[in-house]
Amino acid sequence: MTDTRYLALGDVVSDELFPDLDLALRRGRHVDREDNLWYTFLVDAQALLEAFYRRFGCELMHPADGYFYLLPTGDKLGRRHLSVPEMLVGQALTLLYLDPATLQSGGVIKRADALSHLAAVMGSDALTRAFNPKRKRVDERVAEETVRGKFAEALRRLAALGFVDLLDSDSLRLRPGLLRFAEPVRGRGSPAEALERLVARGELVLGEGGGDDDDDEQRDEPDELEPAEPAPEPFQLPSEVLSEFADFGEYVSPPEAAEPETAEPETAKPEAAEEET
């Protein structure tokens, strides 16, 4: 017999975890095992919540990689696409997440290494153009500062969505939700190799220009490709990539697991380590 804490939807929505978790999911948060209480809640209430969110034009997704998120299927909830820097940084972090060396470090990497990896895969010139879409000519020092600034902004946004944890000014921890960035290349052989090829091409197309660089909002459709010209054009994301990443807003922090009460000293029993996806 299946043991569940929730027999009806009313039991789910009356749980004290539901309000903050519901808000976080609607704002684009990805919830994995590291979220502990939230993840356990979603596993226990998954069947009831799937029907609940369909009424709002969303699907509660739970990939085999081990995380939950809401995928909008209608227009009842507003949506915002990730910006070009957020997409590129997310893709670069996914490549690092798939690297066996990252697994050995517990998923912790240096921010500088992540930026260097992105520059190595894309090429420094392409990265500069992607992060400075309105400028055809830019001072090298100013361009580098802009890239670092946009990179830091993208990390903060990705952390708010549950893709990474910002540990300090130098380090971050990669989380399973990053594998969502590999969805466009599922079934194309090695996800890492396929994703790296797309990142090298940018998973982007060259177009006529675009969008307002201040608000980083992207259009739903890509520009038409233009004949080759001497001056490079700004990057635009194609619609099939944008449609993979619609999210809803700001950060909501998960609850802290309750601290155990102080007890008499005793020999601690090792707990079985939970296998990471």
C-alpha atoms as a PDB file:
ATOM      1  CA  MET A   1       0.000   0.000   0.000  1.00  0.00           C
ATOM      2  CA  THR A   2       1.311   3.460  -0.894  1.00  0.00           C
ATOM      3  CA  ASP A   3       1.908   5.671   2.104  1.00  0.00           C
ATOM      4  CA  THR A   4       1.073   9.334   1.511  1.00  0.00           C
ATOM      5  CA  ARG A   5       0.593  12.289   3.795  1.00  0.00           C
ATOM      6  CA  TYR A   6      -2.010  13.834   1.507  1.00  0.00           C
ATOM      7  CA  LEU A   7      -5.339  12.201   0.681  1.00  0.00           C
ATOM      8  CA  ALA A   8      -6.994  15.266  -0.868  1.00  0.00           C
ATOM      9  CA  LEU A   9      -6.017  18.638  -2.344  1.00  0.00           C
ATOM     10  CA  GLY A  10      -7.274  20.358   0.783  1.00  0.00           C
ATOM     11  CA  ASP A  11      -4.615  18.532   2.792  1.00  0.00           C
ATOM     12  CA  VAL A  12      -1.955  19.835   0.410  1.00  0.00           C
ATOM     13  CA  VAL A  13      -2.954  23.493   0.375  1.00  0.00           C
ATOM     14  CA  SER A  14      -3.391  23.565   4.147  1.00  0.00           C
ATOM     15  CA  ASP A  15       0.204  22.424   4.686  1.00  0.00           C
ATOM     16  CA  GLU A  16       2.351  25.275   5.986  1.00  0.00           C
ATOM     17  CA  LEU A  17       4.917  24.624   3.244  1.00  0.00           C
ATOM     18  CA  PHE A  18       2.464  25.177   0.395  1.00  0.00           C
ATOM     19  CA  PRO A  19       2.116  28.998   0.205  1.00  0.00           C
ATOM     20  CA  ASP A  20       5.830  29.814  -0.171  1.00  0.00           C
ATOM     21  CA  LEU A  21       6.522  26.811  -2.380  1.00  0.00           C
ATOM     22  CA  ASP A  22       3.572  27.577  -4.643  1.00  0.00           C
ATOM     23  CA  LEU A  23       4.747  31.167  -5.023  1.00  0.00           C
ATOM     24  CA  ALA A  24       8.307  30.049  -5.752  1.00  0.00           C
ATOM     25  CA  LEU A  25       7.191  27.588  -8.444  1.00  0.00           C
ATOM     26  CA  ARG A  26       5.018  30.211 -10.125  1.00  0.00           C
ATOM     27  CA  ARG A  27       8.039  32.517 -10.203  1.00  0.00           C
ATOM     28  CA  GLY A  28      10.170  29.947 -12.012  1.00  0.00           C
ATOM     29  CA  ARG A  29      11.970  28.239  -9.125  1.00  0.00           C
ATOM     30  CA  HIS A  30      13.458  24.801  -9.789  1.00  0.00           C
ATOM     31  CA  VAL A  31      13.235  22.560  -6.722  1.00  0.00           C
ATOM     32  CA  ASP A  32      15.604  19.620  -6.235  1.00  0.00           C
ATOM     33  CA  ARG A  33      16.640  17.288  -3.410  1.00  0.00           C
ATOM     34  CA  GLU A  34      18.867  19.948  -1.897  1.00  0.00           C
ATOM     35  CA  ASP A  35      15.696  21.864  -1.066  1.00  0.00           C
ATOM     36  CA  ASN A  36      14.875  19.010   1.306  1.00  0.00           C
ATOM     37  CA  LEU A  37      11.433  19.919   2.761  1.00  0.00           C
ATOM     38  CA  TRP A  38      10.117  21.415  -0.462  1.00  0.00           C
ATOM     39  CA  TYR A  39      11.261  18.468  -2.561  1.00  0.00           C
ATOM     40  CA  THR A  40       9.795  15.903  -0.175  1.00  0.00           C
ATOM     41  CA  PHE A  41       6.524  17.842  -0.121  1.00  0.00           C
ATOM     42  CA  LEU A  42       6.334  17.837  -3.931  1.00  0.00           C
ATOM     43  CA  VAL A  43       7.077  14.116  -4.155  1.00  0.00           C
ATOM     44  CA  ASP A  44       4.336  13.335  -1.634  1.00  0.00           C
ATOM     45  CA  ALA A  45       1.774  15.669  -3.217  1.00  0.00           C
ATOM     46  CA  GLN A  46       2.786  15.324  -6.871  1.00  0.00           C
ATOM     47  CA  ALA A  47      -0.361  13.624  -8.190  1.00  0.00           C
ATOM     48  CA  LEU A  48      -2.684  16.125  -6.519  1.00  0.00           C
ATOM     49  CA  LEU A  49      -0.613  19.147  -7.524  1.00  0.00           C
ATOM     50  CA  GLU A  50      -0.353  18.071 -11.169  1.00  0.00           C
ATOM     51  CA  ALA A  51      -4.140  18.326 -11.501  1.00  0.00           C
ATOM     52  CA  PHE A  52      -4.169  21.560  -9.485  1.00  0.00           C
ATOM     53  CA  TYR A  53      -1.653  23.391 -11.675  1.00  0.00           C
ATOM     54  CA  ARG A  54      -3.298  22.279 -14.916  1.00  0.00           C
ATOM     55  CA  ARG A  55      -6.217  24.506 -13.931  1.00  0.00           C
ATOM     56  CA  PHE A  56      -3.789  27.439 -14.126  1.00  0.00           C
ATOM     57  CA  GLY A  57      -2.395  26.454 -17.519  1.00  0.00           C
ATOM     58  CA  CYS A  58       0.786  24.863 -16.164  1.00  0.00           C
ATOM     59  CA  GLU A  59       2.343  21.427 -15.976  1.00  0.00           C
ATOM     60  CA  LEU A  60       4.248  20.384 -12.850  1.00  0.00           C
ATOM     61  CA  MET A  61       7.327  18.796 -14.410  1.00  0.00           C
ATOM     62  CA  HIS A  62       9.511  16.211 -12.668  1.00  0.00           C
ATOM     63  CA  PRO A  63      12.298  15.018 -15.013  1.00  0.00           C
ATOM     64  CA  ALA A  64      14.287  11.909 -14.217  1.00  0.00           C
ATOM     65  CA  ASP A  65      17.222  14.190 -13.403  1.00  0.00           C
ATOM     66  CA  GLY A  66      15.551  14.886 -10.065  1.00  0.00           C
ATOM     67  CA  TYR A  67      13.980  18.340  -9.893  1.00  0.00           C
ATOM     68  CA  PHE A  68      10.545  19.967 -10.157  1.00  0.00           C
ATOM     69  CA  TYR A  69       9.449  23.086 -12.037  1.00  0.00           C
ATOM     70  CA  LEU A  70       6.305  24.583 -13.567  1.00  0.00           C
ATOM     71  CA  LEU A  71       6.025  24.660 -17.345  1.00  0.00           C
ATOM     72  CA  PRO A  72       3.380  27.133 -18.589  1.00  0.00           C
ATOM     73  CA  THR A  73       1.134  25.729 -21.304  1.00  0.00           C
ATOM     74  CA  GLY A  74      -1.297  28.648 -21.520  1.00  0.00           C
ATOM     75  CA  ASP A  75      -1.434  32.372 -20.886  1.00  0.00           C
ATOM     76  CA  LYS A  76      -3.128  32.477 -17.481  1.00  0.00           C
ATOM     77  CA  LEU A  77       0.165  33.266 -15.762  1.00  0.00           C
ATOM     78  CA  GLY A  78       2.609  35.863 -17.031  1.00  0.00           C
ATOM     79  CA  ARG A  79       5.952  34.690 -18.304  1.00  0.00           C
ATOM     80  CA  ARG A  80       9.403  36.134 -18.863  1.00  0.00           C
ATOM     81  CA  HIS A  81      12.081  34.569 -21.017  1.00  0.00           C
ATOM     82  CA  LEU A  82      15.668  34.323 -19.867  1.00  0.00           C
ATOM     83  CA  SER A  83      17.977  36.957 -21.273  1.00  0.00           C
ATOM     84  CA  VAL A  84      20.856  36.152 -23.624  1.00  0.00           C
ATOM     85  CA  PRO A  85      23.489  36.369 -20.837  1.00  0.00           C
ATOM     86  CA  GLU A  86      21.361  34.164 -18.556  1.00  0.00           C
ATOM     87  CA  MET A  87      20.951  31.557 -21.308  1.00  0.00           C
ATOM     88  CA  LEU A  88      24.632  31.541 -22.214  1.00  0.00           C
ATOM     89  CA  VAL A  89      25.821  31.377 -18.622  1.00  0.00           C
ATOM     90  CA  GLY A  90      23.304  28.622 -17.876  1.00  0.00           C
ATOM     91  CA  GLN A  91      24.537  26.592 -20.830  1.00  0.00           C
ATOM     92  CA  ALA A  92      28.176  27.022 -19.814  1.00  0.00           C
ATOM     93  CA  LEU A  93      27.378  25.963 -16.248  1.00  0.00           C
ATOM     94  CA  THR A  94      25.545  22.905 -17.582  1.00  0.00           C
ATOM     95  CA  LEU A  95      28.660  21.857 -19.473  1.00  0.00           C
ATOM     96  CA  LEU A  96      30.638  22.158 -16.257  1.00  0.00           C
ATOM     97  CA  TYR A  97      27.943  20.266 -14.343  1.00  0.00           C
ATOM     98  CA  LEU A  98      28.330  17.376 -16.806  1.00  0.00           C
ATOM     99  CA  ASP A  99      32.116  17.380 -16.375  1.00  0.00           C
ATOM    100  CA  PRO A 100      33.274  14.436 -14.174  1.00  0.00           C
ATOM    101  CA  ALA A 101      35.783  16.742 -12.499  1.00  0.00           C
ATOM    102  CA  THR A 102      32.922  18.863 -11.183  1.00  0.00           C
ATOM    103  CA  LEU A 103      31.301  15.800  -9.626  1.00  0.00           C
ATOM    104  CA  GLN A 104      34.524  15.097  -7.757  1.00  0.00           C
ATOM    105  CA  SER A 105      34.425  18.604  -6.274  1.00  0.00           C
ATOM    106  CA  GLY A 106      30.839  18.168  -5.065  1.00  0.00           C
ATOM    107  CA  GLY A 107      29.538  20.495  -7.778  1.00  0.00           C
ATOM    108  CA  VAL A 108      31.494  23.472  -6.432  1.00  0.00           C
ATOM    109  CA  ILE A 109      33.355  25.595  -8.977  1.00  0.00           C
ATOM    110  CA  LYS A 110      35.022  28.988  -9.123  1.00  0.00           C
ATOM    111  CA  ARG A 111      33.131  31.812 -10.795  1.00  0.00           C
ATOM    112  CA  ALA A 112      36.245  32.791 -12.722  1.00  0.00           C
ATOM    113  CA  ASP A 113      36.542  29.247 -14.109  1.00  0.00           C
ATOM    114  CA  ALA A 114      32.932  29.353 -15.316  1.00  0.00           C
ATOM    115  CA  LEU A 115      33.475  32.634 -17.151  1.00  0.00           C
ATOM    116  CA  SER A 116      36.734  31.375 -18.639  1.00  0.00           C
ATOM    117  CA  HIS A 117      35.001  28.236 -19.846  1.00  0.00           C
ATOM    118  CA  LEU A 118      32.241  30.235 -21.523  1.00  0.00           C
ATOM    119  CA  ALA A 119      34.818  32.451 -23.240  1.00  0.00           C
ATOM    120  CA  ALA A 120      36.799  29.397 -24.382  1.00  0.00           C
ATOM    121  CA  VAL A 121      33.752  27.649 -25.870  1.00  0.00           C
ATOM    122  CA  MET A 122      32.206  30.711 -27.552  1.00  0.00           C
ATOM    123  CA  GLY A 123      35.317  32.685 -28.273  1.00  0.00           C
ATOM    124  CA  SER A 124      36.101  35.983 -26.582  1.00  0.00           C
ATOM    125  CA  ASP A 125      34.886  38.135 -29.475  1.00  0.00           C
ATOM    126  CA  ALA A 126      31.543  36.338 -29.744  1.00  0.00           C
ATOM    127  CA  LEU A 127      31.071  36.533 -25.979  1.00  0.00           C
ATOM    128  CA  THR A 128      31.790  40.265 -25.994  1.00  0.00           C
ATOM    129  CA  ARG A 129      29.270  40.831 -28.793  1.00  0.00           C
ATOM    130  CA  ALA A 130      26.642  38.726 -27.048  1.00  0.00           C
ATOM    131  CA  PHE A 131      27.003  40.711 -23.822  1.00  0.00           C
ATOM    132  CA  ASN A 132      27.284  44.072 -25.620  1.00  0.00           C
ATOM    133  CA  PRO A 133      24.516  43.691 -28.231  1.00  0.00           C
ATOM    134  CA  LYS A 134      24.123  47.387 -29.095  1.00  0.00           C
ATOM    135  CA  ARG A 135      27.768  48.205 -29.649  1.00  0.00           C
ATOM    136  CA  LYS A 136      29.655  47.352 -32.819  1.00  0.00           C
ATOM    137  CA  ARG A 137      32.852  48.935 -31.541  1.00  0.00           C
ATOM    138  CA  VAL A 138      33.684  49.034 -27.861  1.00  0.00           C
ATOM    139  CA  ASP A 139      36.758  49.726 -25.770  1.00  0.00           C
ATOM    140  CA  GLU A 140      38.328  46.438 -24.680  1.00  0.00           C
ATOM    141  CA  ARG A 141      38.486  47.394 -21.010  1.00  0.00           C
ATOM    142  CA  VAL A 142      34.869  48.584 -20.993  1.00  0.00           C
ATOM    143  CA  ALA A 143      33.788  45.430 -22.817  1.00  0.00           C
ATOM    144  CA  GLU A 144      35.501  43.188 -20.250  1.00  0.00           C
ATOM    145  CA  GLU A 145      33.866  45.075 -17.388  1.00  0.00           C
ATOM    146  CA  THR A 146      30.473  44.760 -19.071  1.00  0.00           C
ATOM    147  CA  VAL A 147      30.943  41.016 -19.582  1.00  0.00           C
ATOM    148  CA  ARG A 148      31.891  40.527 -15.931  1.00  0.00           C
ATOM    149  CA  GLY A 149      28.918  42.609 -14.798  1.00  0.00           C
ATOM    150  CA  LYS A 150      26.434  40.773 -17.023  1.00  0.00           C
ATOM    151  CA  PHE A 151      27.938  37.456 -15.928  1.00  0.00           C
ATOM    152  CA  ALA A 152      27.437  38.345 -12.244  1.00  0.00           C
ATOM    153  CA  GLU A 153      23.841  39.463 -12.924  1.00  0.00           C
ATOM    154  CA  ALA A 154      23.135  36.206 -14.744  1.00  0.00           C
ATOM    155  CA  LEU A 155      24.487  34.176 -11.819  1.00  0.00           C
ATOM    156  CA  ARG A 156      22.214  36.016  -9.395  1.00  0.00           C
ATOM    157  CA  ARG A 157      19.212  35.355 -11.603  1.00  0.00           C
ATOM    158  CA  LEU A 158      20.084  31.685 -12.062  1.00  0.00           C
ATOM    159  CA  ALA A 159      20.524  31.348  -8.293  1.00  0.00           C
ATOM    160  CA  ALA A 160      17.055  32.815  -7.754  1.00  0.00           C
ATOM    161  CA  LEU A 161      15.659  30.166 -10.099  1.00  0.00           C
ATOM    162  CA  GLY A 162      17.348  27.301  -8.248  1.00  0.00           C
ATOM    163  CA  PHE A 163      20.007  26.479 -10.845  1.00  0.00           C
ATOM    164  CA  VAL A 164      23.008  27.351  -8.645  1.00  0.00           C
ATOM    165  CA  ASP A 165      23.895  28.308  -5.080  1.00  0.00           C
ATOM    166  CA  LEU A 166      26.134  31.365  -4.638  1.00  0.00           C
ATOM    167  CA  LEU A 167      28.491  30.310  -1.858  1.00  0.00           C
ATOM    168  CA  ASP A 168      30.714  33.393  -1.637  1.00  0.00           C
ATOM    169  CA  SER A 169      32.267  36.012  -3.887  1.00  0.00           C
ATOM    170  CA  ASP A 170      34.457  33.391  -5.588  1.00  0.00           C
ATOM    171  CA  SER A 171      32.561  30.092  -5.621  1.00  0.00           C
ATOM    172  CA  LEU A 172      29.209  28.593  -6.521  1.00  0.00           C
ATOM    173  CA  ARG A 173      27.563  25.164  -6.360  1.00  0.00           C
ATOM    174  CA  LEU A 174      25.899  23.731  -9.455  1.00  0.00           C
ATOM    175  CA  ARG A 175      22.494  22.107  -9.019  1.00  0.00           C
ATOM    176  CA  PRO A 176      20.537  19.433 -10.974  1.00  0.00           C
ATOM    177  CA  GLY A 177      18.083  21.941 -12.437  1.00  0.00           C
ATOM    178  CA  LEU A 178      20.862  23.055 -14.803  1.00  0.00           C
ATOM    179  CA  LEU A 179      20.167  19.939 -16.843  1.00  0.00           C
ATOM    180  CA  ARG A 180      17.100  21.729 -18.153  1.00  0.00           C
ATOM    181  CA  PHE A 181      19.515  23.691 -20.342  1.00  0.00           C
ATOM    182  CA  ALA A 182      20.429  20.388 -21.997  1.00  0.00           C
ATOM    183  CA  GLU A 183      16.820  19.690 -23.015  1.00  0.00           C
ATOM    184  CA  PRO A 184      17.222  21.165 -26.544  1.00  0.00           C
ATOM    185  CA  VAL A 185      19.978  18.602 -27.255  1.00  0.00           C
ATOM    186  CA  ARG A 186      18.381  15.493 -25.715  1.00  0.00           C
ATOM    187  CA  GLY A 187      18.699  12.521 -28.055  1.00  0.00           C
ATOM    188  CA  ARG A 188      21.632  13.996 -29.977  1.00  0.00           C
ATOM    189  CA  GLY A 189      24.327  11.704 -28.613  1.00  0.00           C
ATOM    190  CA  SER A 190      26.430  12.943 -25.731  1.00  0.00           C
ATOM    191  CA  PRO A 191      24.536  15.854 -24.083  1.00  0.00           C
ATOM    192  CA  ALA A 192      27.816  17.560 -23.170  1.00  0.00           C
ATOM    193  CA  GLU A 193      29.232  17.371 -26.689  1.00  0.00           C
ATOM    194  CA  ALA A 194      25.970  18.416 -28.342  1.00  0.00           C
ATOM    195  CA  LEU A 195      25.479  21.294 -25.933  1.00  0.00           C
ATOM    196  CA  GLU A 196      29.064  22.440 -26.391  1.00  0.00           C
ATOM    197  CA  ARG A 197      28.571  22.562 -30.152  1.00  0.00           C
ATOM    198  CA  LEU A 198      25.433  24.671 -29.697  1.00  0.00           C
ATOM    199  CA  VAL A 199      27.143  26.979 -27.226  1.00  0.00           C
ATOM    200  CA  ALA A 200      30.078  27.351 -29.609  1.00  0.00           C
ATOM    201  CA  ARG A 201      27.559  28.427 -32.245  1.00  0.00           C
ATOM    202  CA  GLY A 202      25.871  30.283 -29.408  1.00  0.00           C
ATOM    203  CA  GLU A 203      22.638  28.350 -29.720  1.00  0.00           C
ATOM    204  CA  LEU A 204      22.018  31.760 -31.244  1.00  0.00           C
ATOM    205  CA  VAL A 205      21.516  33.303 -34.645  1.00  0.00           C
ATOM    206  CA  LEU A 206      22.814  36.568 -36.019  1.00  0.00           C
ATOM    207  CA  GLY A 207      20.061  39.038 -36.699  1.00  0.00           C
ATOM    208  CA  GLU A 208      19.186  42.668 -37.235  1.00  0.00           C
ATOM    209  CA  GLY A 209      19.423  43.866 -33.870  1.00  0.00           C
ATOM    210  CA  GLY A 210      17.664  43.966 -31.021  1.00  0.00           C
ATOM    211  CA  GLY A 211      15.768  44.436 -27.998  1.00  0.00           C
ATOM    212  CA  ASP A 212      16.554  46.916 -25.309  1.00  0.00           C
ATOM    213  CA  ASP A 213      19.809  46.075 -23.609  1.00  0.00           C
ATOM    214  CA  ASP A 214      18.672  47.722 -20.376  1.00  0.00           C
ATOM    215  CA  ASP A 215      15.813  45.373 -19.569  1.00  0.00           C
ATOM    216  CA  ASP A 216      17.298  42.266 -21.272  1.00  0.00           C
ATOM    217  CA  GLU A 217      13.845  41.218 -22.505  1.00  0.00           C
ATOM    218  CA  GLN A 218      13.971  38.925 -25.525  1.00  0.00           C
ATOM    219  CA  ARG A 219      11.460  38.629 -28.335  1.00  0.00           C
ATOM    220  CA  ASP A 220       9.563  35.366 -28.854  1.00  0.00           C
ATOM    221  CA  GLU A 221      10.723  34.959 -32.464  1.00  0.00           C
ATOM    222  CA  PRO A 222      14.248  35.185 -33.867  1.00  0.00           C
ATOM    223  CA  ASP A 223      15.226  37.692 -36.512  1.00  0.00           C
ATOM    224  CA  GLU A 224      15.672  36.474 -40.058  1.00  0.00           C
ATOM    225  CA  LEU A 225      19.262  35.684 -40.984  1.00  0.00           C
ATOM    226  CA  GLU A 226      20.867  38.401 -43.055  1.00  0.00           C
ATOM    227  CA  PRO A 227      23.590  37.993 -45.715  1.00  0.00           C
ATOM    228  CA  ALA A 228      27.091  38.193 -44.336  1.00  0.00           C
ATOM    229  CA  GLU A 229      28.258  41.738 -43.675  1.00  0.00           C
ATOM    230  CA  PRO A 230      31.631  43.106 -42.505  1.00  0.00           C
ATOM    231  CA  ALA A 231      30.227  44.320 -39.187  1.00  0.00           C
ATOM    232  CA  PRO A 232      28.905  41.607 -36.859  1.00  0.00           C
ATOM    233  CA  GLU A 233      25.324  41.917 -35.726  1.00  0.00           C
ATOM    234  CA  PRO A 234      23.965  41.384 -32.215  1.00  0.00           C
ATOM    235  CA  PHE A 235      22.896  37.944 -31.024  1.00  0.00           C
ATOM    236  CA  GLN A 236      19.269  36.854 -30.798  1.00  0.00           C
ATOM    237  CA  LEU A 237      17.891  33.643 -29.307  1.00  0.00           C
ATOM    238  CA  PRO A 238      15.720  31.390 -31.475  1.00  0.00           C
ATOM    239  CA  SER A 239      12.150  30.805 -30.389  1.00  0.00           C
ATOM    240  CA  GLU A 240      12.571  27.062 -29.829  1.00  0.00           C
ATOM    241  CA  VAL A 241      15.231  27.791 -27.219  1.00  0.00           C
ATOM    242  CA  LEU A 242      13.274  30.603 -25.599  1.00  0.00           C
ATOM    243  CA  SER A 243      10.197  28.400 -25.269  1.00  0.00           C
ATOM    244  CA  GLU A 244      12.173  26.008 -23.084  1.00  0.00           C
ATOM    245  CA  PHE A 245      12.772  28.676 -20.464  1.00  0.00           C
ATOM    246  CA  ALA A 246       9.742  30.716 -19.428  1.00  0.00           C
ATOM    247  CA  ASP A 247       9.745  31.808 -15.794  1.00  0.00           C
ATOM    248  CA  PHE A 248       7.715  34.052 -13.588  1.00  0.00           C
ATOM    249  CA  GLY A 249       9.715  36.362 -11.389  1.00  0.00           C
ATOM    250  CA  GLU A 250      11.551  36.793  -8.145  1.00  0.00           C
ATOM    251  CA  TYR A 251      13.289  34.638  -5.575  1.00  0.00           C
ATOM    252  CA  VAL A 252      11.512  32.883  -2.723  1.00  0.00           C
ATOM    253  CA  SER A 253      13.809  31.152  -0.232  1.00  0.00           C
ATOM    254  CA  PRO A 254      13.064  27.558   0.780  1.00  0.00           C
ATOM    255  CA  PRO A 255      12.384  26.745   4.431  1.00  0.00           C
ATOM    256  CA  GLU A 256      15.212  25.688   6.689  1.00  0.00           C
ATOM    257  CA  ALA A 257      15.103  22.127   7.963  1.00  0.00           C
ATOM    258  CA  ALA A 258      14.296  22.046  11.671  1.00  0.00           C
ATOM    259  CA  GLU A 259      17.336  21.896  13.953  1.00  0.00           C
ATOM    260  CA  PRO A 260      17.418  18.713  16.070  1.00  0.00           C
ATOM    261  CA  GLU A 261      16.998  19.188  19.815  1.00  0.00           C
ATOM    262  CA  THR A 262      20.087  18.827  21.982  1.00  0.00           C
ATOM    263  CA  ALA A 263      20.373  15.297  23.296  1.00  0.00           C
ATOM    264  CA  GLU A 264      22.783  13.306  25.435  1.00  0.00           C
ATOM    265  CA  PRO A 265      26.014  12.526  23.564  1.00  0.00           C
ATOM    266  CA  GLU A 266      25.921   9.229  21.724  1.00  0.00           C
ATOM    267  CA  THR A 267      27.731   7.544  18.929  1.00  0.00           C
ATOM    268  CA  ALA A 268      26.449   8.950  15.647  1.00  0.00           C
ATOM    269  CA  LYS A 269      25.269   6.456  13.091  1.00  0.00           C
ATOM    270  CA  PRO A 270      26.314   7.241   9.534  1.00  0.00           C
ATOM    271  CA  GLU A 271      23.441   8.055   7.238  1.00  0.00           C
ATOM    272  CA  ALA A 272      23.236   6.622   3.782  1.00  0.00           C
ATOM    273  CA  ALA A 273      24.282   9.217   1.250  1.00  0.00           C
ATOM    274  CA  GLU A 274      21.543  10.054  -1.197  1.00  0.00           C
ATOM    275  CA  GLU A 275      22.603   9.532  -4.739  1.00  0.00           C
ATOM    276  CA  GLU A 276      22.679  12.734  -6.736  1.00  0.00           C
ATOM    277  CA  THR A 277      21.067  12.756 -10.080  1.00  0.00           C
END
